[in-house]
Amino acid sequence: MAQAKKVVLYAFVVFVLYTIITSPKRSADLVQVGFEGISSAAQGVGEFMTELIN
């Protein structure tokens, strides 16, 4: 089972590297979208906590 996880992890890393190398602009766009999502989620949690305190 541990070997299968290791193989899947290596395959995923190779896929990500292949995607970055073949289309770096698209990869940068996807990373930007991901970080914007994380940022808006963190902002939402912050607003929720602020309203909870008030």
Protein backbone atom coordinates (compact mmCIF):
# COMPACT_ATOMS: atom_id res chain seq x y z
CA MET A 1 0.00 0.00 0.00
CA ALA A 2 2.84 2.38 0.82
CA GLN A 3 4.42 1.64 -2.56
CA ALA A 4 1.16 2.52 -4.34
CA LYS A 5 0.98 5.87 -2.53
CA LYS A 6 4.57 6.59 -3.49
CA VAL A 7 3.91 5.79 -7.14
CA VAL A 8 0.79 7.98 -7.20
CA LEU A 9 2.70 10.84 -5.57
CA TYR A 10 5.54 10.58 -8.10
CA ALA A 11 3.05 10.45 -10.99
CA PHE A 12 1.31 13.56 -9.64
CA VAL A 13 4.62 15.44 -9.31
CA VAL A 14 5.62 14.48 -12.85
CA PHE A 15 2.22 15.61 -14.15
CA VAL A 16 2.48 18.97 -12.38
CA LEU A 17 6.01 19.54 -13.67
CA TYR A 18 4.96 18.57 -17.21
CA THR A 19 2.03 20.97 -17.06
CA ILE A 20 4.22 23.82 -15.80
CA ILE A 21 6.86 23.22 -18.46
CA THR A 22 4.45 22.87 -21.39
CA SER A 23 2.15 25.80 -20.54
CA PRO A 24 3.59 28.11 -17.90
CA LYS A 25 1.08 30.92 -18.57
CA ARG A 26 -1.91 28.64 -17.94
CA SER A 27 -0.21 27.23 -14.83
CA ALA A 28 0.37 30.74 -13.49
CA ASP A 29 -3.28 31.59 -14.10
CA LEU A 30 -4.41 28.49 -12.20
CA VAL A 31 -2.12 29.27 -9.27
CA GLN A 32 -3.42 32.84 -9.19
CA VAL A 33 -7.02 31.61 -9.11
CA GLY A 34 -6.14 29.22 -6.29
CA PHE A 35 -4.50 31.91 -4.20
CA GLU A 36 -7.40 34.30 -4.82
CA GLY A 37 -9.77 31.60 -3.55
CA ILE A 38 -7.69 31.02 -0.43
CA SER A 39 -7.46 34.77 0.15
CA SER A 40 -11.20 35.31 -0.14
CA ALA A 41 -11.87 32.35 2.16
CA ALA A 42 -9.50 33.77 4.78
CA GLN A 43 -11.15 37.18 4.43
CA GLY A 44 -14.56 35.58 4.94
CA VAL A 45 -13.39 33.82 8.09
CA GLY A 46 -11.95 37.10 9.37
CA GLU A 47 -15.22 38.94 8.75
CA PHE A 48 -17.15 36.15 10.45
CA MET A 49 -14.94 36.29 13.53
CA THR A 50 -15.21 40.08 13.65
CA GLU A 51 -19.01 39.92 13.52
CA LEU A 52 -19.00 37.16 16.10
CA ILE A 53 -17.04 39.33 18.53
CA ASN A 54 -19.30 42.35 17.92
